[in-house]
């Protein structure tokens, strides 16, 4: 499986009451698990900066990764960017092949 990074920025409506943050996050992960059972999360971080959260996960293909982003957007995120992550050793091996 490939590794993906998801950077999410929440809408102002979702950030008004921080006490509801845990419930919103629980509902989001339930939707991801239901719609993308093949996805395996390896890390979840709250961020200080232009994005609110960063998730690292494994998915079998780009379609599954796109679903995770779309679930975020349909749940109130105003931005959800998914990036493919290449392990550093693999990246170096690719360079050596050039």
PDB file of N, CA and C in Angstrom:
ATOM      1  N   UNK A   1       0.836  -1.184   0.000  1.00  0.00           N
ATOM      2  CA  UNK A   1       0.000   0.000   0.000  1.00  0.00           C
ATOM      3  C   UNK A   1       0.879   1.245   0.000  1.00  0.00           C
ATOM      4  N   UNK A   2       0.359   2.278  -0.607  1.00  0.00           N
ATOM      5  CA  UNK A   2       1.072   3.552  -0.664  1.00  0.00           C
ATOM      6  C   UNK A   2       0.748   4.390   0.570  1.00  0.00           C
ATOM      7  N   UNK A   3       1.656   5.311   0.901  1.00  0.00           N
ATOM      8  CA  UNK A   3       1.454   6.223   2.027  1.00  0.00           C
ATOM      9  C   UNK A   3       0.975   7.567   1.497  1.00  0.00           C
ATOM     10  N   UNK A   4       0.002   8.132   2.180  1.00  0.00           N
ATOM     11  CA  UNK A   4      -0.556   9.424   1.809  1.00  0.00           C
ATOM     12  C   UNK A   4      -0.572  10.343   3.027  1.00  0.00           C
ATOM     13  N   UNK A   5      -0.518  11.644   2.734  1.00  0.00           N
ATOM     14  CA  UNK A   5      -0.613  12.681   3.747  1.00  0.00           C
ATOM     15  C   UNK A   5      -1.881  13.476   3.436  1.00  0.00           C
ATOM     16  N   UNK A   6      -2.676  13.760   4.449  1.00  0.00           N
ATOM     17  CA  UNK A   6      -3.870  14.582   4.277  1.00  0.00           C
ATOM     18  C   UNK A   6      -3.745  15.801   5.177  1.00  0.00           C
ATOM     19  N   UNK A   7      -3.764  16.985   4.573  1.00  0.00           N
ATOM     20  CA  UNK A   7      -3.771  18.243   5.322  1.00  0.00           C
ATOM     21  C   UNK A   7      -5.176  18.818   5.227  1.00  0.00           C
ATOM     22  N   UNK A   8      -5.773  19.121   6.378  1.00  0.00           N
ATOM     23  CA  UNK A   8      -7.166  19.566   6.420  1.00  0.00           C
ATOM     24  C   UNK A   8      -7.285  20.907   7.125  1.00  0.00           C
ATOM     25  N   UNK A   9      -8.076  21.795   6.537  1.00  0.00           N
ATOM     26  CA  UNK A   9      -8.420  23.068   7.167  1.00  0.00           C
ATOM     27  C   UNK A   9      -9.933  23.060   7.361  1.00  0.00           C
ATOM     28  N   UNK A  10     -10.361  23.248   8.595  1.00  0.00           N
ATOM     29  CA  UNK A  10     -11.788  23.215   8.908  1.00  0.00           C
ATOM     30  C   UNK A  10     -12.465  24.546   8.605  1.00  0.00           C
ATOM     31  N   UNK A  11     -13.763  24.477   8.372  1.00  0.00           N
ATOM     32  CA  UNK A  11     -14.539  25.698   8.169  1.00  0.00           C
ATOM     33  C   UNK A  11     -14.662  26.436   9.498  1.00  0.00           C
ATOM     34  N   UNK A  12     -14.892  27.745   9.459  1.00  0.00           N
ATOM     35  CA  UNK A  12     -15.064  28.498  10.701  1.00  0.00           C
ATOM     36  C   UNK A  12     -16.214  27.961  11.567  1.00  0.00           C
ATOM     37  N   UNK A  13     -17.253  27.437  10.934  1.00  0.00           N
ATOM     38  CA  UNK A  13     -18.383  26.892  11.691  1.00  0.00           C
ATOM     39  C   UNK A  13     -17.953  25.724  12.574  1.00  0.00           C
ATOM     40  N   UNK A  14     -17.013  24.911  12.078  1.00  0.00           N
ATOM     41  CA  UNK A  14     -16.557  23.749  12.840  1.00  0.00           C
ATOM     42  C   UNK A  14     -15.547  24.109  13.929  1.00  0.00           C
ATOM     43  N   UNK A  15     -15.005  25.290  13.864  1.00  0.00           N
ATOM     44  CA  UNK A  15     -13.990  25.668  14.860  1.00  0.00           C
ATOM     45  C   UNK A  15     -14.533  26.629  15.931  1.00  0.00           C
ATOM     46  N   UNK A  16     -15.809  26.997  15.820  1.00  0.00           N
ATOM     47  CA  UNK A  16     -16.389  27.937  16.795  1.00  0.00           C
ATOM     48  C   UNK A  16     -16.373  27.376  18.213  1.00  0.00           C
ATOM     49  N   UNK A  17     -16.810  26.140  18.372  1.00  0.00           N
ATOM     50  CA  UNK A  17     -16.899  25.540  19.701  1.00  0.00           C
ATOM     51  C   UNK A  17     -15.915  24.375  19.776  1.00  0.00           C
ATOM     52  N   UNK A  18     -14.735  24.623  20.329  1.00  0.00           N
ATOM     53  CA  UNK A  18     -13.694  23.593  20.371  1.00  0.00           C
ATOM     54  C   UNK A  18     -14.092  22.397  21.231  1.00  0.00           C
ATOM     55  N   UNK A  19     -15.074  22.574  22.117  1.00  0.00           N
ATOM     56  CA  UNK A  19     -15.519  21.459  22.959  1.00  0.00           C
ATOM     57  C   UNK A  19     -16.177  20.359  22.134  1.00  0.00           C
ATOM     58  N   UNK A  20     -16.646  20.679  20.929  1.00  0.00           N
ATOM     59  CA  UNK A  20     -17.282  19.684  20.055  1.00  0.00           C
ATOM     60  C   UNK A  20     -16.276  18.999  19.137  1.00  0.00           C
ATOM     61  N   UNK A  21     -15.010  19.391  19.223  1.00  0.00           N
ATOM     62  CA  UNK A  21     -13.989  18.881  18.320  1.00  0.00           C
ATOM     63  C   UNK A  21     -13.869  17.358  18.367  1.00  0.00           C
ATOM     64  N   UNK A  22     -13.881  16.772  19.556  1.00  0.00           N
ATOM     65  CA  UNK A  22     -13.736  15.315  19.672  1.00  0.00           C
ATOM     66  C   UNK A  22     -14.896  14.590  19.000  1.00  0.00           C
ATOM     67  N   UNK A  23     -16.098  15.089  19.167  1.00  0.00           N
ATOM     68  CA  UNK A  23     -17.273  14.455  18.556  1.00  0.00           C
ATOM     69  C   UNK A  23     -17.219  14.555  17.028  1.00  0.00           C
ATOM     70  N   UNK A  24     -16.835  15.715  16.530  1.00  0.00           N
ATOM     71  CA  UNK A  24     -16.715  15.900  15.082  1.00  0.00           C
ATOM     72  C   UNK A  24     -15.656  14.943  14.524  1.00  0.00           C
ATOM     73  N   UNK A  25     -14.525  14.836  15.204  1.00  0.00           N
ATOM     74  CA  UNK A  25     -13.462  13.930  14.769  1.00  0.00           C
ATOM     75  C   UNK A  25     -13.891  12.479  14.802  1.00  0.00           C
ATOM     76  N   UNK A  26     -14.653  12.094  15.824  1.00  0.00           N
ATOM     77  CA  UNK A  26     -15.133  10.715  15.928  1.00  0.00           C
ATOM     78  C   UNK A  26     -16.067  10.385  14.765  1.00  0.00           C
ATOM     79  N   UNK A  27     -16.976  11.303  14.436  1.00  0.00           N
ATOM     80  CA  UNK A  27     -17.898  11.082  13.311  1.00  0.00           C
ATOM     81  C   UNK A  27     -17.138  10.981  11.996  1.00  0.00           C
ATOM     82  N   UNK A  28     -16.104  11.814  11.842  1.00  0.00           N
ATOM     83  CA  UNK A  28     -15.314  11.783  10.609  1.00  0.00           C
ATOM     84  C   UNK A  28     -14.618  10.430  10.442  1.00  0.00           C
ATOM     85  N   UNK A  29     -13.952   9.948  11.479  1.00  0.00           N
ATOM     86  CA  UNK A  29     -13.232   8.680  11.351  1.00  0.00           C
ATOM     87  C   UNK A  29     -14.200   7.522  11.142  1.00  0.00           C
ATOM     88  N   UNK A  30     -15.393   7.590  11.723  1.00  0.00           N
ATOM     89  CA  UNK A  30     -16.398   6.551  11.487  1.00  0.00           C
ATOM     90  C   UNK A  30     -16.809   6.515  10.023  1.00  0.00           C
ATOM     91  N   UNK A  31     -16.985   7.691   9.423  1.00  0.00           N
ATOM     92  CA  UNK A  31     -17.338   7.747   7.990  1.00  0.00           C
ATOM     93  C   UNK A  31     -16.215   7.198   7.128  1.00  0.00           C
ATOM     94  N   UNK A  32     -14.985   7.537   7.475  1.00  0.00           N
ATOM     95  CA  UNK A  32     -13.847   7.023   6.696  1.00  0.00           C
ATOM     96  C   UNK A  32     -13.782   5.506   6.813  1.00  0.00           C
ATOM     97  N   UNK A  33     -13.916   4.975   8.022  1.00  0.00           N
ATOM     98  CA  UNK A  33     -13.849   3.527   8.211  1.00  0.00           C
ATOM     99  C   UNK A  33     -14.967   2.806   7.465  1.00  0.00           C
ATOM    100  N   UNK A  34     -16.162   3.399   7.450  1.00  0.00           N
ATOM    101  CA  UNK A  34     -17.299   2.788   6.758  1.00  0.00           C
ATOM    102  C   UNK A  34     -17.099   2.792   5.242  1.00  0.00           C
ATOM    103  N   UNK A  35     -16.649   3.926   4.710  1.00  0.00           N
ATOM    104  CA  UNK A  35     -16.534   4.087   3.258  1.00  0.00           C
ATOM    105  C   UNK A  35     -15.187   3.672   2.686  1.00  0.00           C
ATOM    106  N   UNK A  36     -14.176   3.567   3.528  1.00  0.00           N
ATOM    107  CA  UNK A  36     -12.826   3.222   3.076  1.00  0.00           C
ATOM    108  C   UNK A  36     -12.203   2.212   4.051  1.00  0.00           C
ATOM    109  N   UNK A  37     -12.776   1.027   4.181  1.00  0.00           N
ATOM    110  CA  UNK A  37     -12.255   0.073   5.171  1.00  0.00           C
ATOM    111  C   UNK A  37     -10.827  -0.380   4.898  1.00  0.00           C
ATOM    112  N   UNK A  38     -10.362  -0.176   3.682  1.00  0.00           N
ATOM    113  CA  UNK A  38      -9.012  -0.578   3.317  1.00  0.00           C
ATOM    114  C   UNK A  38      -7.947   0.416   3.766  1.00  0.00           C
ATOM    115  N   UNK A  39      -8.358   1.607   4.194  1.00  0.00           N
ATOM    116  CA  UNK A  39      -7.429   2.657   4.610  1.00  0.00           C
ATOM    117  C   UNK A  39      -6.971   2.405   6.044  1.00  0.00           C
ATOM    118  N   UNK A  40      -5.653   2.556   6.266  1.00  0.00           N
ATOM    119  CA  UNK A  40      -5.073   2.350   7.601  1.00  0.00           C
ATOM    120  C   UNK A  40      -4.351   3.633   8.022  1.00  0.00           C
ATOM    121  N   UNK A  41      -4.834   4.258   9.097  1.00  0.00           N
ATOM    122  CA  UNK A  41      -4.210   5.472   9.601  1.00  0.00           C
ATOM    123  C   UNK A  41      -3.015   5.124  10.469  1.00  0.00           C
ATOM    124  N   UNK A  42      -1.925   5.865  10.274  1.00  0.00           N
ATOM    125  CA  UNK A  42      -0.724   5.639  11.074  1.00  0.00           C
ATOM    126  C   UNK A  42      -0.417   6.803  12.008  1.00  0.00           C
ATOM    127  N   UNK A  43      -0.961   8.006  11.712  1.00  0.00           N
ATOM    128  CA  UNK A  43      -0.729   9.158  12.587  1.00  0.00           C
ATOM    129  C   UNK A  43      -1.783  10.224  12.337  1.00  0.00           C
ATOM    130  N   UNK A  44      -2.088  10.994  13.388  1.00  0.00           N
ATOM    131  CA  UNK A  44      -3.046  12.095  13.309  1.00  0.00           C
ATOM    132  C   UNK A  44      -2.515  13.222  14.194  1.00  0.00           C
ATOM    133  N   UNK A  45      -2.355  14.403  13.622  1.00  0.00           N
ATOM    134  CA  UNK A  45      -1.792  15.535  14.348  1.00  0.00           C
ATOM    135  C   UNK A  45      -2.681  16.766  14.224  1.00  0.00           C
ATOM    136  N   UNK A  46      -2.784  17.521  15.309  1.00  0.00           N
ATOM    137  CA  UNK A  46      -3.356  18.863  15.260  1.00  0.00           C
ATOM    138  C   UNK A  46      -2.196  19.805  14.946  1.00  0.00           C
ATOM    139  N   UNK A  47      -2.449  20.803  14.113  1.00  0.00           N
ATOM    140  CA  UNK A  47      -1.376  21.679  13.651  1.00  0.00           C
ATOM    141  C   UNK A  47      -1.582  23.121  14.096  1.00  0.00           C
ATOM    142  N   UNK A  48      -0.480  23.829  14.201  1.00  0.00           N
ATOM    143  CA  UNK A  48      -0.488  25.276  14.385  1.00  0.00           C
ATOM    144  C   UNK A  48       0.039  25.852  13.078  1.00  0.00           C
ATOM    145  N   UNK A  49      -0.828  26.477  12.312  1.00  0.00           N
ATOM    146  CA  UNK A  49      -0.421  26.993  11.012  1.00  0.00           C
ATOM    147  C   UNK A  49      -1.622  27.080  10.094  1.00  0.00           C
ATOM    148  N   UNK A  50      -1.393  27.078   8.780  1.00  0.00           N
ATOM    149  CA  UNK A  50      -2.502  27.268   7.843  1.00  0.00           C
ATOM    150  C   UNK A  50      -3.491  26.099   7.790  1.00  0.00           C
ATOM    151  N   UNK A  51      -3.080  24.913   8.203  1.00  0.00           N
ATOM    152  CA  UNK A  51      -3.978  23.761   8.256  1.00  0.00           C
ATOM    153  C   UNK A  51      -4.240  23.406   9.713  1.00  0.00           C
ATOM    154  N   UNK A  52      -5.381  22.764   9.952  1.00  0.00           N
ATOM    155  CA  UNK A  52      -5.762  22.392  11.310  1.00  0.00           C
ATOM    156  C   UNK A  52      -5.296  20.993  11.699  1.00  0.00           C
ATOM    157  N   UNK A  53      -5.290  20.067  10.730  1.00  0.00           N
ATOM    158  CA  UNK A  53      -4.932  18.682  11.031  1.00  0.00           C
ATOM    159  C   UNK A  53      -4.096  18.088   9.911  1.00  0.00           C
ATOM    160  N   UNK A  54      -3.277  17.112  10.281  1.00  0.00           N
ATOM    161  CA  UNK A  54      -2.468  16.362   9.331  1.00  0.00           C
ATOM    162  C   UNK A  54      -2.610  14.880   9.681  1.00  0.00           C
ATOM    163  N   UNK A  55      -2.984  14.096   8.693  1.00  0.00           N
ATOM    164  CA  UNK A  55      -3.114  12.651   8.872  1.00  0.00           C
ATOM    165  C   UNK A  55      -2.155  11.946   7.937  1.00  0.00           C
ATOM    166  N   UNK A  56      -1.565  10.882   8.418  1.00  0.00           N
ATOM    167  CA  UNK A  56      -0.723  10.013   7.605  1.00  0.00           C
ATOM    168  C   UNK A  56      -1.427   8.670   7.567  1.00  0.00           C
ATOM    169  N   UNK A  57      -1.629   8.166   6.366  1.00  0.00           N
ATOM    170  CA  UNK A  57      -2.354   6.906   6.234  1.00  0.00           C
ATOM    171  C   UNK A  57      -1.875   6.122   5.023  1.00  0.00           C
ATOM    172  N   UNK A  58      -2.227   4.853   5.007  1.00  0.00           N
ATOM    173  CA  UNK A  58      -1.909   3.984   3.889  1.00  0.00           C
ATOM    174  C   UNK A  58      -3.205   3.640   3.171  1.00  0.00           C
ATOM    175  N   UNK A  59      -3.132   3.626   1.855  1.00  0.00           N
ATOM    176  CA  UNK A  59      -4.288   3.279   1.026  1.00  0.00           C
ATOM    177  C   UNK A  59      -3.786   2.491  -0.176  1.00  0.00           C
ATOM    178  N   UNK A  60      -4.625   1.627  -0.727  1.00  0.00           N
ATOM    179  CA  UNK A  60      -4.186   0.798  -1.839  1.00  0.00           C
ATOM    180  C   UNK A  60      -4.022   1.553  -3.159  1.00  0.00           C
ATOM    181  N   UNK A  61      -4.681   2.729  -3.286  1.00  0.00           N
ATOM    182  CA  UNK A  61      -4.628   3.449  -4.564  1.00  0.00           C
ATOM    183  C   UNK A  61      -5.097   4.894  -4.393  1.00  0.00           C
ATOM    184  N   UNK A  62      -4.970   5.661  -5.461  1.00  0.00           N
ATOM    185  CA  UNK A  62      -5.348   7.080  -5.433  1.00  0.00           C
ATOM    186  C   UNK A  62      -6.836   7.266  -5.215  1.00  0.00           C
ATOM    187  N   UNK A  63      -7.642   6.346  -5.718  1.00  0.00           N
ATOM    188  CA  UNK A  63      -9.087   6.468  -5.561  1.00  0.00           C
ATOM    189  C   UNK A  63      -9.478   6.429  -4.085  1.00  0.00           C
ATOM    190  N   UNK A  64      -8.889   5.520  -3.339  1.00  0.00           N
ATOM    191  CA  UNK A  64      -9.172   5.441  -1.905  1.00  0.00           C
ATOM    192  C   UNK A  64      -8.704   6.704  -1.197  1.00  0.00           C
ATOM    193  N   UNK A  65      -7.537   7.201  -1.572  1.00  0.00           N
ATOM    194  CA  UNK A  65      -7.024   8.437  -0.964  1.00  0.00           C
ATOM    195  C   UNK A  65      -7.945   9.615  -1.290  1.00  0.00           C
ATOM    196  N   UNK A  66      -8.451   9.658  -2.505  1.00  0.00           N
ATOM    197  CA  UNK A  66      -9.372  10.736  -2.886  1.00  0.00           C
ATOM    198  C   UNK A  66     -10.654  10.676  -2.065  1.00  0.00           C
ATOM    199  N   UNK A  67     -11.139   9.479  -1.775  1.00  0.00           N
ATOM    200  CA  UNK A  67     -12.345   9.342  -0.949  1.00  0.00           C
ATOM    201  C   UNK A  67     -12.135   9.941   0.432  1.00  0.00           C
ATOM    202  N   UNK A  68     -10.958   9.713   1.016  1.00  0.00           N
ATOM    203  CA  UNK A  68     -10.681  10.268   2.343  1.00  0.00           C
ATOM    204  C   UNK A  68     -10.770  11.797   2.285  1.00  0.00           C
ATOM    205  N   UNK A  69     -10.196  12.400   1.255  1.00  0.00           N
ATOM    206  CA  UNK A  69     -10.270  13.862   1.103  1.00  0.00           C
ATOM    207  C   UNK A  69     -11.711  14.318   0.905  1.00  0.00           C
ATOM    208  N   UNK A  70     -12.456  13.600   0.084  1.00  0.00           N
ATOM    209  CA  UNK A  70     -13.843  13.996  -0.193  1.00  0.00           C
ATOM    210  C   UNK A  70     -14.723  13.868   1.050  1.00  0.00           C
ATOM    211  N   UNK A  71     -14.456  12.869   1.883  1.00  0.00           N
ATOM    212  CA  UNK A  71     -15.201  12.750   3.132  1.00  0.00           C
ATOM    213  C   UNK A  71     -14.911  13.964   4.016  1.00  0.00           C
ATOM    214  N   UNK A  72     -13.665  14.408   4.038  1.00  0.00           N
ATOM    215  CA  UNK A  72     -13.306  15.596   4.820  1.00  0.00           C
ATOM    216  C   UNK A  72     -14.036  16.827   4.294  1.00  0.00           C
ATOM    217  N   UNK A  73     -14.040  16.991   2.986  1.00  0.00           N
ATOM    218  CA  UNK A  73     -14.698  18.154   2.390  1.00  0.00           C
ATOM    219  C   UNK A  73     -16.209  18.118   2.607  1.00  0.00           C
ATOM    220  N   UNK A  74     -16.806  16.946   2.507  1.00  0.00           N
ATOM    221  CA  UNK A  74     -18.256  16.859   2.691  1.00  0.00           C
ATOM    222  C   UNK A  74     -18.649  17.001   4.156  1.00  0.00           C
ATOM    223  N   UNK A  75     -17.680  16.893   5.063  1.00  0.00           N
ATOM    224  CA  UNK A  75     -17.957  17.021   6.485  1.00  0.00           C
ATOM    225  C   UNK A  75     -17.683  18.397   7.053  1.00  0.00           C
ATOM    226  N   UNK A  76     -17.366  19.364   6.197  1.00  0.00           N
ATOM    227  CA  UNK A  76     -17.189  20.717   6.681  1.00  0.00           C
ATOM    228  C   UNK A  76     -15.797  21.304   6.550  1.00  0.00           C
ATOM    229  N   UNK A  77     -14.858  20.546   6.010  1.00  0.00           N
ATOM    230  CA  UNK A  77     -13.526  21.112   5.771  1.00  0.00           C
ATOM    231  C   UNK A  77     -13.612  22.073   4.587  1.00  0.00           C
ATOM    232  N   UNK A  78     -12.869  23.167   4.648  1.00  0.00           N
ATOM    233  CA  UNK A  78     -12.836  24.081   3.507  1.00  0.00           C
ATOM    234  C   UNK A  78     -11.648  23.776   2.591  1.00  0.00           C
ATOM    235  N   UNK A  79     -10.721  22.962   3.090  1.00  0.00           N
ATOM    236  CA  UNK A  79      -9.593  22.513   2.270  1.00  0.00           C
ATOM    237  C   UNK A  79      -9.154  21.145   2.779  1.00  0.00           C
ATOM    238  N   UNK A  80      -8.872  20.265   1.829  1.00  0.00           N
ATOM    239  CA  UNK A  80      -8.351  18.935   2.162  1.00  0.00           C
ATOM    240  C   UNK A  80      -7.425  18.533   1.029  1.00  0.00           C
ATOM    241  N   UNK A  81      -6.140  18.531   1.301  1.00  0.00           N
ATOM    242  CA  UNK A  81      -5.145  18.180   0.289  1.00  0.00           C
ATOM    243  C   UNK A  81      -4.523  16.839   0.630  1.00  0.00           C
ATOM    244  N   UNK A  82      -4.506  15.954  -0.354  1.00  0.00           N
ATOM    245  CA  UNK A  82      -3.865  14.650  -0.175  1.00  0.00           C
ATOM    246  C   UNK A  82      -2.615  14.604  -1.035  1.00  0.00           C
ATOM    247  N   UNK A  83      -1.540  14.140  -0.445  1.00  0.00           N
ATOM    248  CA  UNK A  83      -0.267  14.028  -1.142  1.00  0.00           C
ATOM    249  C   UNK A  83       0.267  12.611  -1.012  1.00  0.00           C
ATOM    250  N   UNK A  84       0.899  12.139  -2.072  1.00  0.00           N
ATOM    251  CA  UNK A  84       1.582  10.856  -1.999  1.00  0.00           C
ATOM    252  C   UNK A  84       2.910  11.066  -1.285  1.00  0.00           C
ATOM    253  N   UNK A  85       3.240  10.170  -0.370  1.00  0.00           N
ATOM    254  CA  UNK A  85       4.500  10.260   0.365  1.00  0.00           C
ATOM    255  C   UNK A  85       5.384   9.074  -0.023  1.00  0.00           C
ATOM    256  N   UNK A  86       6.598   9.366  -0.414  1.00  0.00           N
ATOM    257  CA  UNK A  86       7.554   8.321  -0.801  1.00  0.00           C
ATOM    258  C   UNK A  86       8.555   8.171   0.339  1.00  0.00           C
ATOM    259  N   UNK A  87       8.718   6.973   0.861  1.00  0.00           N
ATOM    260  CA  UNK A  87       9.726   6.794   1.917  1.00  0.00           C
ATOM    261  C   UNK A  87      11.092   7.293   1.438  1.00  0.00           C
ATOM    262  N   UNK A  88      11.834   7.920   2.328  1.00  0.00           N
ATOM    263  CA  UNK A  88      13.104   8.538   1.950  1.00  0.00           C
ATOM    264  C   UNK A  88      14.062   7.542   1.307  1.00  0.00           C
ATOM    265  N   UNK A  89      14.186   6.342   1.850  1.00  0.00           N
ATOM    266  CA  UNK A  89      15.086   5.341   1.279  1.00  0.00           C
ATOM    267  C   UNK A  89      14.679   5.006  -0.150  1.00  0.00           C
ATOM    268  N   UNK A  90      13.391   4.870  -0.391  1.00  0.00           N
ATOM    269  CA  UNK A  90      12.905   4.596  -1.744  1.00  0.00           C
ATOM    270  C   UNK A  90      13.250   5.752  -2.666  1.00  0.00           C
ATOM    271  N   UNK A  91      13.092   6.967  -2.191  1.00  0.00           N
ATOM    272  CA  UNK A  91      13.425   8.159  -2.963  1.00  0.00           C
ATOM    273  C   UNK A  91      14.905   8.154  -3.355  1.00  0.00           C
ATOM    274  N   UNK A  92      15.768   7.856  -2.396  1.00  0.00           N
ATOM    275  CA  UNK A  92      17.211   7.801  -2.669  1.00  0.00           C
ATOM    276  C   UNK A  92      17.520   6.702  -3.677  1.00  0.00           C
ATOM    277  N   UNK A  93      16.876   5.546  -3.535  1.00  0.00           N
ATOM    278  CA  UNK A  93      17.079   4.454  -4.497  1.00  0.00           C
ATOM    279  C   UNK A  93      16.659   4.877  -5.905  1.00  0.00           C
ATOM    280  N   UNK A  94      15.590   5.650  -6.009  1.00  0.00           N
ATOM    281  CA  UNK A  94      15.144   6.138  -7.314  1.00  0.00           C
ATOM    282  C   UNK A  94      16.195   7.066  -7.931  1.00  0.00           C
ATOM    283  N   UNK A  95      16.768   7.920  -7.110  1.00  0.00           N
ATOM    284  CA  UNK A  95      17.814   8.837  -7.592  1.00  0.00           C
ATOM    285  C   UNK A  95      19.030   8.063  -8.105  1.00  0.00           C
ATOM    286  N   UNK A  96      19.387   7.022  -7.390  1.00  0.00           N
ATOM    287  CA  UNK A  96      20.564   6.219  -7.791  1.00  0.00           C
ATOM    288  C   UNK A  96      20.344   5.561  -9.157  1.00  0.00           C
ATOM    289  N   UNK A  97      19.087   5.293  -9.498  1.00  0.00           N
ATOM    290  CA  UNK A  97      18.782   4.650 -10.770  1.00  0.00           C
ATOM    291  C   UNK A  97      18.900   5.613 -11.958  1.00  0.00           C
ATOM    292  N   UNK A  98      18.994   6.898 -11.692  1.00  0.00           N
ATOM    293  CA  UNK A  98      19.027   7.884 -12.786  1.00  0.00           C
ATOM    294  C   UNK A  98      20.375   7.936 -13.481  1.00  0.00           C
TER     295      UNK A  98
END
